[in-house]
Amino acid sequence: MVTIMGIINATPDSFWAPSRGAVGILDDGPDIVDVGAVSTRPGAAPVSEKEEWSRLIPVLDAVAGRCPFSVDTVRASIVQRVYDRYGPFIVNDISAGEDDPRMLPLTGRLGLGYIAMHKRGNPRTMDSLTDYGEGGVTAELIRYFSDFSLKAADAGISEWILDPGLGFAKTAGQNFEIIDSLAALKCFGRRILIGAADKRFTAGHTEEVHLRAIRGGADILRVHDVRAARKTASAA
């Protein structure tokens, strides 16, 4: 059964306005919610740790105890603060530990689940970093997660989820190549998370892309519309 992860953006500038601090998504019955306080859309400005934490607190206060949750952050210090206040959760790190060298050791030490995503650059540079050379994007992902699996093992992270990072330094064509090549990423024996919801390459056809991803082997859908995604998963 596909896991439905509902998105709560604790940000004032998320391109998907209905997801901003929308704890009402819990009423739609997600299996887990993903809370993030720093926008990663193309061109987004950086946010200080103090601001990130202040944005997270009211949302996590409302979510904790009602639904399993993950926190979308690249900062180990934020992971520690969330853990100290709310207990175990899943770390959703779009940099797979590259943006903060303390992230993987801390996650392993705390025994937390971890989502590792592939990206290049940052929100201001990623659209210019889509050349993957010989072998293309799928070969790059296999190389990338082969390296990450060793890092995770060294850090003591036993439970990690693979996110190929749709839309992060990928063209529309590359995003669809990934969706159609998910079987190749099953070689790691990890659940695969797909974050396609309402991104530019879907051209308004999010559920069609979700269906394609599920049939290709996606295990988790990170979505804005939980009810629509659940319906799609039931029809797959």
C-alpha atoms as a PDB file:
ATOM      1  CA  MET A   1       0.000   0.000   0.000  1.00  0.00           C
ATOM      2  CA  VAL A   2       1.335   3.427  -0.931  1.00  0.00           C
ATOM      3  CA  THR A   3       2.027   5.795   1.961  1.00  0.00           C
ATOM      4  CA  ILE A   4       0.484   9.265   1.626  1.00  0.00           C
ATOM      5  CA  MET A   5       2.588  12.068   3.097  1.00  0.00           C
ATOM      6  CA  GLY A   6       0.732  15.372   3.449  1.00  0.00           C
ATOM      7  CA  ILE A   7       2.679  18.623   3.144  1.00  0.00           C
ATOM      8  CA  ILE A   8       2.476  21.438   5.673  1.00  0.00           C
ATOM      9  CA  ASN A   9       4.586  24.437   4.681  1.00  0.00           C
ATOM     10  CA  ALA A  10       5.325  26.624   7.695  1.00  0.00           C
ATOM     11  CA  THR A  11       6.397  29.369   5.318  1.00  0.00           C
ATOM     12  CA  PRO A  12       4.825  32.625   4.158  1.00  0.00           C
ATOM     13  CA  ASP A  13       6.057  32.281   0.576  1.00  0.00           C
ATOM     14  CA  SER A  14       5.332  28.712  -0.510  1.00  0.00           C
ATOM     15  CA  PHE A  15       4.025  28.732  -4.063  1.00  0.00           C
ATOM     16  CA  TRP A  16       1.175  26.441  -2.930  1.00  0.00           C
ATOM     17  CA  ALA A  17      -0.693  28.881  -0.686  1.00  0.00           C
ATOM     18  CA  PRO A  18      -3.214  26.383   0.763  1.00  0.00           C
ATOM     19  CA  SER A  19      -0.374  24.370   2.341  1.00  0.00           C
ATOM     20  CA  ARG A  20       0.964  27.284   4.411  1.00  0.00           C
ATOM     21  CA  GLY A  21       0.608  26.206   8.028  1.00  0.00           C
ATOM     22  CA  ALA A  22      -2.460  24.181   7.055  1.00  0.00           C
ATOM     23  CA  VAL A  23      -2.787  21.731   9.949  1.00  0.00           C
ATOM     24  CA  GLY A  24      -6.320  21.067   8.697  1.00  0.00           C
ATOM     25  CA  ILE A  25      -4.706  18.581   6.323  1.00  0.00           C
ATOM     26  CA  LEU A  26      -4.716  16.188   9.267  1.00  0.00           C
ATOM     27  CA  ASP A  27      -8.484  15.869   8.862  1.00  0.00           C
ATOM     28  CA  ASP A  28      -7.910  14.320   5.429  1.00  0.00           C
ATOM     29  CA  GLY A  29      -6.151  11.331   6.976  1.00  0.00           C
ATOM     30  CA  PRO A  30      -2.534  11.400   5.787  1.00  0.00           C
ATOM     31  CA  ASP A  31      -0.332   8.529   6.920  1.00  0.00           C
ATOM     32  CA  ILE A  32       2.335  11.064   7.839  1.00  0.00           C
ATOM     33  CA  VAL A  33       2.790  14.812   7.484  1.00  0.00           C
ATOM     34  CA  ASP A  34       5.936  16.593   6.363  1.00  0.00           C
ATOM     35  CA  VAL A  35       6.517  19.968   7.996  1.00  0.00           C
ATOM     36  CA  GLY A  36       9.000  22.414   6.503  1.00  0.00           C
ATOM     37  CA  ALA A  37       9.781  26.015   7.384  1.00  0.00           C
ATOM     38  CA  VAL A  38      12.216  26.939   4.602  1.00  0.00           C
ATOM     39  CA  SER A  39      10.962  27.236   1.042  1.00  0.00           C
ATOM     40  CA  THR A  40      12.976  25.285  -1.522  1.00  0.00           C
ATOM     41  CA  ARG A  41      11.169  26.532  -4.618  1.00  0.00           C
ATOM     42  CA  PRO A  42      13.418  27.903  -7.384  1.00  0.00           C
ATOM     43  CA  GLY A  43      14.759  31.323  -6.412  1.00  0.00           C
ATOM     44  CA  ALA A  44      13.763  31.072  -2.740  1.00  0.00           C
ATOM     45  CA  ALA A  45      15.773  33.169  -0.286  1.00  0.00           C
ATOM     46  CA  PRO A  46      17.676  31.574   2.624  1.00  0.00           C
ATOM     47  CA  VAL A  47      16.154  31.604   6.127  1.00  0.00           C
ATOM     48  CA  SER A  48      18.001  31.870   9.440  1.00  0.00           C
ATOM     49  CA  GLU A  49      17.934  29.043  11.964  1.00  0.00           C
ATOM     50  CA  LYS A  50      16.110  31.280  14.431  1.00  0.00           C
ATOM     51  CA  GLU A  51      13.365  32.022  11.911  1.00  0.00           C
ATOM     52  CA  GLU A  52      13.102  28.392  10.824  1.00  0.00           C
ATOM     53  CA  TRP A  53      12.610  27.256  14.420  1.00  0.00           C
ATOM     54  CA  SER A  54      10.074  29.977  15.237  1.00  0.00           C
ATOM     55  CA  ARG A  55       8.018  28.936  12.201  1.00  0.00           C
ATOM     56  CA  LEU A  56       8.131  25.253  13.100  1.00  0.00           C
ATOM     57  CA  ILE A  57       7.041  25.457  16.744  1.00  0.00           C
ATOM     58  CA  PRO A  58       3.335  26.366  16.334  1.00  0.00           C
ATOM     59  CA  VAL A  59       2.813  23.832  13.557  1.00  0.00           C
ATOM     60  CA  LEU A  60       4.604  21.006  15.347  1.00  0.00           C
ATOM     61  CA  ASP A  61       2.752  21.809  18.567  1.00  0.00           C
ATOM     62  CA  ALA A  62      -0.473  21.219  16.626  1.00  0.00           C
ATOM     63  CA  VAL A  63       0.749  18.091  14.832  1.00  0.00           C
ATOM     64  CA  ALA A  64       2.696  16.190  17.493  1.00  0.00           C
ATOM     65  CA  GLY A  65       0.608  13.444  19.041  1.00  0.00           C
ATOM     66  CA  ARG A  66      -2.013  13.584  16.289  1.00  0.00           C
ATOM     67  CA  CYS A  67      -0.059  12.133  13.381  1.00  0.00           C
ATOM     68  CA  PRO A  68       3.426  10.752  12.644  1.00  0.00           C
ATOM     69  CA  PHE A  69       5.551  13.519  11.148  1.00  0.00           C
ATOM     70  CA  SER A  70       8.766  14.345   9.363  1.00  0.00           C
ATOM     71  CA  VAL A  71      10.607  17.658   9.390  1.00  0.00           C
ATOM     72  CA  ASP A  72      12.028  19.059   6.186  1.00  0.00           C
ATOM     73  CA  THR A  73      15.340  20.642   7.207  1.00  0.00           C
ATOM     74  CA  VAL A  74      19.023  20.594   6.328  1.00  0.00           C
ATOM     75  CA  ARG A  75      20.157  21.731   9.797  1.00  0.00           C
ATOM     76  CA  ALA A  76      21.303  19.247  12.432  1.00  0.00           C
ATOM     77  CA  SER A  77      20.620  21.879  15.100  1.00  0.00           C
ATOM     78  CA  ILE A  78      16.951  21.943  14.095  1.00  0.00           C
ATOM     79  CA  VAL A  79      16.807  18.144  14.246  1.00  0.00           C
ATOM     80  CA  GLN A  80      18.175  18.240  17.786  1.00  0.00           C
ATOM     81  CA  ARG A  81      15.685  20.901  18.875  1.00  0.00           C
ATOM     82  CA  VAL A  82      12.734  19.025  17.395  1.00  0.00           C
ATOM     83  CA  TYR A  83      13.849  15.790  19.027  1.00  0.00           C
ATOM     84  CA  ASP A  84      14.343  17.433  22.418  1.00  0.00           C
ATOM     85  CA  ARG A  85      10.854  18.968  22.323  1.00  0.00           C
ATOM     86  CA  TYR A  86       8.779  16.304  20.542  1.00  0.00           C
ATOM     87  CA  GLY A  87      10.692  13.026  20.587  1.00  0.00           C
ATOM     88  CA  PRO A  88      11.374  10.718  17.618  1.00  0.00           C
ATOM     89  CA  PHE A  89      10.381  11.742  14.087  1.00  0.00           C
ATOM     90  CA  ILE A  90      11.672  11.334  10.541  1.00  0.00           C
ATOM     91  CA  VAL A  91      14.301  13.713   9.188  1.00  0.00           C
ATOM     92  CA  ASN A  92      13.606  14.861   5.632  1.00  0.00           C
ATOM     93  CA  ASP A  93      16.903  16.298   4.374  1.00  0.00           C
ATOM     94  CA  ILE A  94      16.927  17.588   0.799  1.00  0.00           C
ATOM     95  CA  SER A  95      20.730  17.645   0.883  1.00  0.00           C
ATOM     96  CA  ALA A  96      21.242  14.041   2.063  1.00  0.00           C
ATOM     97  CA  GLY A  97      23.647  15.367   4.694  1.00  0.00           C
ATOM     98  CA  GLU A  98      25.733  17.479   2.329  1.00  0.00           C
ATOM     99  CA  ASP A  99      24.646  20.880   3.664  1.00  0.00           C
ATOM    100  CA  ASP A 100      25.503  20.122   7.296  1.00  0.00           C
ATOM    101  CA  PRO A 101      28.264  17.613   8.141  1.00  0.00           C
ATOM    102  CA  ARG A 102      26.709  17.084  11.579  1.00  0.00           C
ATOM    103  CA  MET A 103      23.410  15.820  10.162  1.00  0.00           C
ATOM    104  CA  LEU A 104      24.152  12.168   9.454  1.00  0.00           C
ATOM    105  CA  PRO A 105      26.077  11.479  12.697  1.00  0.00           C
ATOM    106  CA  LEU A 106      23.324  13.125  14.749  1.00  0.00           C
ATOM    107  CA  THR A 107      20.542  11.242  12.978  1.00  0.00           C
ATOM    108  CA  GLY A 108      22.344   7.972  13.553  1.00  0.00           C
ATOM    109  CA  ARG A 109      23.030   8.778  17.189  1.00  0.00           C
ATOM    110  CA  LEU A 110      19.374   9.622  17.840  1.00  0.00           C
ATOM    111  CA  GLY A 111      18.165   6.549  15.945  1.00  0.00           C
ATOM    112  CA  LEU A 112      15.856   8.530  13.675  1.00  0.00           C
ATOM    113  CA  GLY A 113      14.450   7.586  10.294  1.00  0.00           C
ATOM    114  CA  TYR A 114      15.860   9.607   7.420  1.00  0.00           C
ATOM    115  CA  ILE A 115      14.823  10.706   3.942  1.00  0.00           C
ATOM    116  CA  ALA A 116      17.793  11.334   1.663  1.00  0.00           C
ATOM    117  CA  MET A 117      17.127  13.432  -1.420  1.00  0.00           C
ATOM    118  CA  HIS A 118      19.280  14.082  -4.461  1.00  0.00           C
ATOM    119  CA  LYS A 119      19.848  17.671  -5.512  1.00  0.00           C
ATOM    120  CA  ARG A 120      22.490  19.929  -6.973  1.00  0.00           C
ATOM    121  CA  GLY A 121      23.210  23.485  -5.908  1.00  0.00           C
ATOM    122  CA  ASN A 122      20.550  25.472  -4.080  1.00  0.00           C
ATOM    123  CA  PRO A 123      17.175  27.041  -4.977  1.00  0.00           C
ATOM    124  CA  ARG A 124      18.951  29.930  -6.683  1.00  0.00           C
ATOM    125  CA  THR A 125      21.310  27.821  -8.825  1.00  0.00           C
ATOM    126  CA  MET A 126      19.700  24.413  -9.355  1.00  0.00           C
ATOM    127  CA  ASP A 127      17.903  25.180 -12.605  1.00  0.00           C
ATOM    128  CA  SER A 128      21.308  25.685 -14.270  1.00  0.00           C
ATOM    129  CA  LEU A 129      22.751  22.370 -13.064  1.00  0.00           C
ATOM    130  CA  THR A 130      20.860  19.823 -15.146  1.00  0.00           C
ATOM    131  CA  ASP A 131      23.677  18.399 -17.286  1.00  0.00           C
ATOM    132  CA  TYR A 132      24.335  14.832 -16.119  1.00  0.00           C
ATOM    133  CA  GLY A 133      26.631  13.798 -18.936  1.00  0.00           C
ATOM    134  CA  GLU A 134      27.129  10.216 -20.044  1.00  0.00           C
ATOM    135  CA  GLY A 135      24.544   7.839 -18.629  1.00  0.00           C
ATOM    136  CA  GLY A 136      22.064  10.561 -17.839  1.00  0.00           C
ATOM    137  CA  VAL A 137      20.214  11.352 -14.651  1.00  0.00           C
ATOM    138  CA  THR A 138      19.300   7.780 -13.678  1.00  0.00           C
ATOM    139  CA  ALA A 139      22.931   6.665 -13.742  1.00  0.00           C
ATOM    140  CA  GLU A 140      23.813   9.713 -11.655  1.00  0.00           C
ATOM    141  CA  LEU A 141      21.180   8.799  -9.060  1.00  0.00           C
ATOM    142  CA  ILE A 142      22.511   5.263  -8.789  1.00  0.00           C
ATOM    143  CA  ARG A 143      26.034   6.579  -8.242  1.00  0.00           C
ATOM    144  CA  TYR A 144      24.801   9.171  -5.750  1.00  0.00           C
ATOM    145  CA  PHE A 145      22.785   6.790  -3.591  1.00  0.00           C
ATOM    146  CA  SER A 146      25.492   4.135  -3.731  1.00  0.00           C
ATOM    147  CA  ASP A 147      27.783   6.686  -2.081  1.00  0.00           C
ATOM    148  CA  PHE A 148      25.063   7.783   0.319  1.00  0.00           C
ATOM    149  CA  SER A 149      24.326   4.228   1.442  1.00  0.00           C
ATOM    150  CA  LEU A 150      27.934   3.919   2.626  1.00  0.00           C
ATOM    151  CA  LYS A 151      27.722   7.252   4.472  1.00  0.00           C
ATOM    152  CA  ALA A 152      24.480   6.204   6.130  1.00  0.00           C
ATOM    153  CA  ALA A 153      25.981   2.911   7.272  1.00  0.00           C
ATOM    154  CA  ASP A 154      29.026   4.689   8.686  1.00  0.00           C
ATOM    155  CA  ALA A 155      26.728   7.073  10.590  1.00  0.00           C
ATOM    156  CA  GLY A 156      24.610   4.252  11.998  1.00  0.00           C
ATOM    157  CA  ILE A 157      21.478   5.155  10.021  1.00  0.00           C
ATOM    158  CA  SER A 158      19.634   1.903   9.418  1.00  0.00           C
ATOM    159  CA  GLU A 159      16.271   3.224   8.217  1.00  0.00           C
ATOM    160  CA  TRP A 160      16.474   5.575   5.262  1.00  0.00           C
ATOM    161  CA  ILE A 161      14.175   6.426   2.371  1.00  0.00           C
ATOM    162  CA  LEU A 162      15.316   7.343  -1.134  1.00  0.00           C
ATOM    163  CA  ASP A 163      13.980  10.537  -2.734  1.00  0.00           C
ATOM    164  CA  PRO A 164      15.278  11.146  -6.290  1.00  0.00           C
ATOM    165  CA  GLY A 165      14.536  14.874  -5.950  1.00  0.00           C
ATOM    166  CA  LEU A 166      12.115  15.594  -8.770  1.00  0.00           C
ATOM    167  CA  GLY A 167      12.404  19.220  -9.832  1.00  0.00           C
ATOM    168  CA  PHE A 168      15.733  19.760  -8.070  1.00  0.00           C
ATOM    169  CA  ALA A 169      18.283  20.328 -10.839  1.00  0.00           C
ATOM    170  CA  LYS A 170      16.220  18.253 -13.258  1.00  0.00           C
ATOM    171  CA  THR A 171      14.491  19.187 -16.474  1.00  0.00           C
ATOM    172  CA  ALA A 172      10.922  18.095 -17.163  1.00  0.00           C
ATOM    173  CA  GLY A 173      12.234  15.311 -19.370  1.00  0.00           C
ATOM    174  CA  GLN A 174      14.635  14.148 -16.683  1.00  0.00           C
ATOM    175  CA  ASN A 175      11.842  14.086 -14.098  1.00  0.00           C
ATOM    176  CA  PHE A 176       9.819  11.754 -16.286  1.00  0.00           C
ATOM    177  CA  GLU A 177      12.896   9.649 -17.023  1.00  0.00           C
ATOM    178  CA  ILE A 178      13.281   9.144 -13.277  1.00  0.00           C
ATOM    179  CA  ILE A 179       9.622   8.234 -12.789  1.00  0.00           C
ATOM    180  CA  ASP A 180       9.878   5.675 -15.576  1.00  0.00           C
ATOM    181  CA  SER A 181      13.130   4.258 -14.162  1.00  0.00           C
ATOM    182  CA  LEU A 182      12.173   3.744 -10.515  1.00  0.00           C
ATOM    183  CA  ALA A 183      12.737   0.005 -10.869  1.00  0.00           C
ATOM    184  CA  ALA A 184      16.447   0.727 -11.309  1.00  0.00           C
ATOM    185  CA  LEU A 185      16.494   2.540  -7.960  1.00  0.00           C
ATOM    186  CA  LYS A 186      15.000  -0.463  -6.186  1.00  0.00           C
ATOM    187  CA  CYS A 187      18.502  -1.952  -6.158  1.00  0.00           C
ATOM    188  CA  PHE A 188      19.092  -0.248  -2.799  1.00  0.00           C
ATOM    189  CA  GLY A 189      16.219  -2.058  -1.123  1.00  0.00           C
ATOM    190  CA  ARG A 190      14.788   1.212   0.171  1.00  0.00           C
ATOM    191  CA  ARG A 191      11.353   2.750  -0.037  1.00  0.00           C
ATOM    192  CA  ILE A 192      11.153   5.401  -2.732  1.00  0.00           C
ATOM    193  CA  LEU A 193       9.486   8.746  -2.059  1.00  0.00           C
ATOM    194  CA  ILE A 194       8.135  10.802  -4.942  1.00  0.00           C
ATOM    195  CA  GLY A 195       7.563  14.525  -4.489  1.00  0.00           C
ATOM    196  CA  ALA A 196       5.836  15.529  -7.707  1.00  0.00           C
ATOM    197  CA  ALA A 197       2.837  17.404  -6.318  1.00  0.00           C
ATOM    198  CA  ASP A 198       2.013  20.468  -8.385  1.00  0.00           C
ATOM    199  CA  LYS A 199       5.565  20.997  -9.605  1.00  0.00           C
ATOM    200  CA  ARG A 200       6.111  22.774 -12.887  1.00  0.00           C
ATOM    201  CA  PHE A 201       6.820  19.632 -14.899  1.00  0.00           C
ATOM    202  CA  THR A 202       3.421  18.119 -14.039  1.00  0.00           C
ATOM    203  CA  ALA A 203       1.711  20.959 -15.969  1.00  0.00           C
ATOM    204  CA  GLY A 204      -1.320  20.707 -13.705  1.00  0.00           C
ATOM    205  CA  HIS A 205      -1.671  16.932 -14.021  1.00  0.00           C
ATOM    206  CA  THR A 206      -0.379  15.899 -10.615  1.00  0.00           C
ATOM    207  CA  GLU A 207      -2.573  12.830 -10.178  1.00  0.00           C
ATOM    208  CA  GLU A 208      -1.660  11.473 -13.596  1.00  0.00           C
ATOM    209  CA  VAL A 209       1.996  11.753 -12.595  1.00  0.00           C
ATOM    210  CA  HIS A 210       1.255  10.125  -9.231  1.00  0.00           C
ATOM    211  CA  LEU A 211      -0.414   7.198 -10.972  1.00  0.00           C
ATOM    212  CA  ARG A 212       2.564   6.798 -13.292  1.00  0.00           C
ATOM    213  CA  ALA A 213       4.924   6.869 -10.310  1.00  0.00           C
ATOM    214  CA  ILE A 214       2.943   4.311  -8.311  1.00  0.00           C
ATOM    215  CA  ARG A 215       2.861   1.943 -11.250  1.00  0.00           C
ATOM    216  CA  GLY A 216       6.601   2.458 -11.641  1.00  0.00           C
ATOM    217  CA  GLY A 217       7.304   1.477  -8.045  1.00  0.00           C
ATOM    218  CA  ALA A 218       6.855   4.548  -5.813  1.00  0.00           C
ATOM    219  CA  ASP A 219       6.207   3.678  -2.171  1.00  0.00           C
ATOM    220  CA  ILE A 220       5.485   7.141  -0.733  1.00  0.00           C
ATOM    221  CA  LEU A 221       3.778  10.151  -2.307  1.00  0.00           C
ATOM    222  CA  ARG A 222       4.503  13.584  -0.824  1.00  0.00           C
ATOM    223  CA  VAL A 223       1.367  15.555  -1.647  1.00  0.00           C
ATOM    224  CA  HIS A 224      -0.714  18.676  -1.104  1.00  0.00           C
ATOM    225  CA  ASP A 225      -4.074  17.001  -1.758  1.00  0.00           C
ATOM    226  CA  VAL A 226      -4.273  13.925   0.453  1.00  0.00           C
ATOM    227  CA  ARG A 227      -7.762  12.870  -0.643  1.00  0.00           C
ATOM    228  CA  ALA A 228      -6.927  13.035  -4.339  1.00  0.00           C
ATOM    229  CA  ALA A 229      -3.696  11.112  -3.821  1.00  0.00           C
ATOM    230  CA  ARG A 230      -5.489   8.443  -1.793  1.00  0.00           C
ATOM    231  CA  LYS A 231      -8.029   8.037  -4.581  1.00  0.00           C
ATOM    232  CA  THR A 232      -5.234   7.739  -7.130  1.00  0.00           C
ATOM    233  CA  ALA A 233      -3.432   5.146  -5.026  1.00  0.00           C
ATOM    234  CA  SER A 234      -6.618   3.103  -4.699  1.00  0.00           C
ATOM    235  CA  ALA A 235      -7.030   3.096  -8.474  1.00  0.00           C
ATOM    236  CA  ALA A 236      -3.427   2.113  -9.233  1.00  0.00           C
END
